């Protein structure tokens, strides 16, 4: 574990690429819905690769896509959206990497 406070994390990061829908309001005030993916994720936040720039402190709604519901009803039809705030944003080639902090930690 690092002794540098800037490098300490509240929660361990998992390097998982998960498809995720990002919904929010762009700089023009228009609603958007982008299919994105995580670069890494933890219980308190994630790094996402998205096709647009985001401003710091913007709120977004995140939803993980799910296949159609099964006839057994044992698998939930969808995951509930969760809210996050943009904490970092920078261009990286043809995408933007944004760091988001979840409003409520994942359980």
C-alpha atoms as a PDB file:
ATOM      1  CA  UNK A   1       0.000   0.000   0.000  1.00  0.00           C
ATOM      2  CA  UNK A   2       1.292   3.431  -0.911  1.00  0.00           C
ATOM      3  CA  UNK A   3       2.163   5.931   1.806  1.00  0.00           C
ATOM      4  CA  UNK A   4       1.354   8.830  -0.554  1.00  0.00           C
ATOM      5  CA  UNK A   5      -2.156  10.087   0.400  1.00  0.00           C
ATOM      6  CA  UNK A   6      -2.859  11.107  -3.225  1.00  0.00           C
ATOM      7  CA  UNK A   7      -2.384   7.486  -4.324  1.00  0.00           C
ATOM      8  CA  UNK A   8      -4.561   5.860  -1.645  1.00  0.00           C
ATOM      9  CA  UNK A   9      -7.949   4.616  -2.766  1.00  0.00           C
ATOM     10  CA  UNK A  10     -11.124   4.240  -0.723  1.00  0.00           C
ATOM     11  CA  UNK A  11     -11.891   1.061  -2.638  1.00  0.00           C
ATOM     12  CA  UNK A  12      -9.887  -1.373  -4.759  1.00  0.00           C
ATOM     13  CA  UNK A  13     -10.139  -0.864  -8.526  1.00  0.00           C
ATOM     14  CA  UNK A  14     -11.086  -3.730 -10.798  1.00  0.00           C
ATOM     15  CA  UNK A  15      -9.792  -3.447 -14.356  1.00  0.00           C
ATOM     16  CA  UNK A  16     -13.004  -4.528 -16.093  1.00  0.00           C
ATOM     17  CA  UNK A  17     -14.399  -3.346 -19.392  1.00  0.00           C
ATOM     18  CA  UNK A  18     -18.169  -3.332 -18.915  1.00  0.00           C
ATOM     19  CA  UNK A  19     -20.556  -1.809 -21.457  1.00  0.00           C
ATOM     20  CA  UNK A  20     -22.512   1.008 -19.841  1.00  0.00           C
ATOM     21  CA  UNK A  21     -25.075   3.580 -20.935  1.00  0.00           C
ATOM     22  CA  UNK A  22     -24.247   7.140 -19.889  1.00  0.00           C
ATOM     23  CA  UNK A  23     -27.185   9.566 -19.802  1.00  0.00           C
ATOM     24  CA  UNK A  24     -26.875  13.267 -19.081  1.00  0.00           C
ATOM     25  CA  UNK A  25     -27.207  16.787 -20.436  1.00  0.00           C
ATOM     26  CA  UNK A  26     -24.551  18.139 -22.809  1.00  0.00           C
ATOM     27  CA  UNK A  27     -23.057  21.645 -22.882  1.00  0.00           C
ATOM     28  CA  UNK A  28     -25.886  22.824 -25.164  1.00  0.00           C
ATOM     29  CA  UNK A  29     -28.534  21.707 -22.686  1.00  0.00           C
ATOM     30  CA  UNK A  30     -29.611  18.725 -24.797  1.00  0.00           C
ATOM     31  CA  UNK A  31     -30.189  15.262 -23.335  1.00  0.00           C
ATOM     32  CA  UNK A  32     -27.788  12.559 -24.498  1.00  0.00           C
ATOM     33  CA  UNK A  33     -27.498   8.808 -24.169  1.00  0.00           C
ATOM     34  CA  UNK A  34     -24.143   7.243 -25.087  1.00  0.00           C
ATOM     35  CA  UNK A  35     -23.087   3.621 -25.058  1.00  0.00           C
ATOM     36  CA  UNK A  36     -19.727   3.635 -23.328  1.00  0.00           C
ATOM     37  CA  UNK A  37     -17.502   1.226 -21.427  1.00  0.00           C
ATOM     38  CA  UNK A  38     -15.657   1.167 -18.156  1.00  0.00           C
ATOM     39  CA  UNK A  39     -11.875   1.081 -18.065  1.00  0.00           C
ATOM     40  CA  UNK A  40     -11.896   0.249 -14.379  1.00  0.00           C
ATOM     41  CA  UNK A  41     -14.494   0.285 -11.645  1.00  0.00           C
ATOM     42  CA  UNK A  42     -14.654   0.199  -7.856  1.00  0.00           C
ATOM     43  CA  UNK A  43     -17.435   0.420  -5.313  1.00  0.00           C
ATOM     44  CA  UNK A  44     -17.123   4.228  -5.199  1.00  0.00           C
ATOM     45  CA  UNK A  45     -16.468   5.183  -8.826  1.00  0.00           C
ATOM     46  CA  UNK A  46     -15.279   4.305 -12.297  1.00  0.00           C
ATOM     47  CA  UNK A  47     -13.186   5.453 -15.219  1.00  0.00           C
ATOM     48  CA  UNK A  48     -15.242   5.522 -18.436  1.00  0.00           C
ATOM     49  CA  UNK A  49     -14.283   5.903 -22.102  1.00  0.00           C
ATOM     50  CA  UNK A  50     -17.016   8.020 -23.714  1.00  0.00           C
ATOM     51  CA  UNK A  51     -17.381   9.763 -27.090  1.00  0.00           C
ATOM     52  CA  UNK A  52     -17.908  13.266 -25.638  1.00  0.00           C
ATOM     53  CA  UNK A  53     -16.185  15.726 -23.335  1.00  0.00           C
ATOM     54  CA  UNK A  54     -17.772  16.277 -19.933  1.00  0.00           C
ATOM     55  CA  UNK A  55     -17.467  19.146 -17.485  1.00  0.00           C
ATOM     56  CA  UNK A  56     -16.349  18.579 -13.915  1.00  0.00           C
ATOM     57  CA  UNK A  57     -19.173  18.192 -11.387  1.00  0.00           C
ATOM     58  CA  UNK A  58     -21.728  17.249 -14.076  1.00  0.00           C
ATOM     59  CA  UNK A  59     -24.192  14.575 -13.006  1.00  0.00           C
ATOM     60  CA  UNK A  60     -24.742  11.473 -15.140  1.00  0.00           C
ATOM     61  CA  UNK A  61     -26.980   8.444 -14.863  1.00  0.00           C
ATOM     62  CA  UNK A  62     -25.317   5.078 -15.551  1.00  0.00           C
ATOM     63  CA  UNK A  63     -27.057   1.855 -16.583  1.00  0.00           C
ATOM     64  CA  UNK A  64     -25.504  -1.499 -17.406  1.00  0.00           C
ATOM     65  CA  UNK A  65     -27.263  -3.062 -20.417  1.00  0.00           C
ATOM     66  CA  UNK A  66     -28.826  -6.467 -19.841  1.00  0.00           C
ATOM     67  CA  UNK A  67     -30.113  -9.154 -22.203  1.00  0.00           C
ATOM     68  CA  UNK A  68     -33.882  -9.657 -22.496  1.00  0.00           C
ATOM     69  CA  UNK A  69     -35.505 -11.134 -19.387  1.00  0.00           C
ATOM     70  CA  UNK A  70     -35.627 -14.895 -19.065  1.00  0.00           C
ATOM     71  CA  UNK A  71     -38.928 -16.729 -18.890  1.00  0.00           C
ATOM     72  CA  UNK A  72     -37.962 -18.165 -15.494  1.00  0.00           C
ATOM     73  CA  UNK A  73     -37.984 -14.729 -13.888  1.00  0.00           C
ATOM     74  CA  UNK A  74     -34.890 -15.638 -11.851  1.00  0.00           C
ATOM     75  CA  UNK A  75     -32.692 -13.051 -13.581  1.00  0.00           C
ATOM     76  CA  UNK A  76     -33.637  -9.381 -13.097  1.00  0.00           C
ATOM     77  CA  UNK A  77     -34.873  -7.695 -16.297  1.00  0.00           C
ATOM     78  CA  UNK A  78     -32.435  -4.803 -15.918  1.00  0.00           C
ATOM     79  CA  UNK A  79     -30.121  -3.083 -13.498  1.00  0.00           C
ATOM     80  CA  UNK A  80     -31.383   0.082 -11.901  1.00  0.00           C
ATOM     81  CA  UNK A  81     -29.640   3.280 -13.039  1.00  0.00           C
ATOM     82  CA  UNK A  82     -27.183   4.786 -10.601  1.00  0.00           C
ATOM     83  CA  UNK A  83     -26.095   8.401 -10.327  1.00  0.00           C
ATOM     84  CA  UNK A  84     -22.535   9.668 -10.525  1.00  0.00           C
ATOM     85  CA  UNK A  85     -20.668  12.981 -10.583  1.00  0.00           C
ATOM     86  CA  UNK A  86     -17.841  13.707 -13.038  1.00  0.00           C
ATOM     87  CA  UNK A  87     -14.589  14.250 -11.098  1.00  0.00           C
ATOM     88  CA  UNK A  88     -12.031  14.044 -13.956  1.00  0.00           C
ATOM     89  CA  UNK A  89     -12.236  14.476 -17.727  1.00  0.00           C
ATOM     90  CA  UNK A  90      -9.548  14.454 -20.401  1.00  0.00           C
ATOM     91  CA  UNK A  91      -9.228  13.562 -24.091  1.00  0.00           C
ATOM     92  CA  UNK A  92      -7.534  10.290 -25.049  1.00  0.00           C
ATOM     93  CA  UNK A  93      -7.402   9.866 -28.815  1.00  0.00           C
ATOM     94  CA  UNK A  94     -10.911   9.521 -30.258  1.00  0.00           C
ATOM     95  CA  UNK A  95     -12.602   9.221 -26.823  1.00  0.00           C
ATOM     96  CA  UNK A  96     -12.673  11.099 -23.554  1.00  0.00           C
ATOM     97  CA  UNK A  97     -11.774   9.430 -20.290  1.00  0.00           C
ATOM     98  CA  UNK A  98     -13.921  10.547 -17.409  1.00  0.00           C
ATOM     99  CA  UNK A  99     -13.572   9.628 -13.786  1.00  0.00           C
ATOM    100  CA  UNK A 100     -16.898   9.478 -11.983  1.00  0.00           C
ATOM    101  CA  UNK A 101     -17.743   9.165  -8.317  1.00  0.00           C
ATOM    102  CA  UNK A 102     -20.928   7.265  -7.515  1.00  0.00           C
ATOM    103  CA  UNK A 103     -23.420   9.186  -5.378  1.00  0.00           C
ATOM    104  CA  UNK A 104     -23.987   5.983  -3.399  1.00  0.00           C
ATOM    105  CA  UNK A 105     -21.245   3.348  -3.231  1.00  0.00           C
ATOM    106  CA  UNK A 106     -22.087   0.077  -4.949  1.00  0.00           C
ATOM    107  CA  UNK A 107     -22.931  -2.777  -2.602  1.00  0.00           C
END
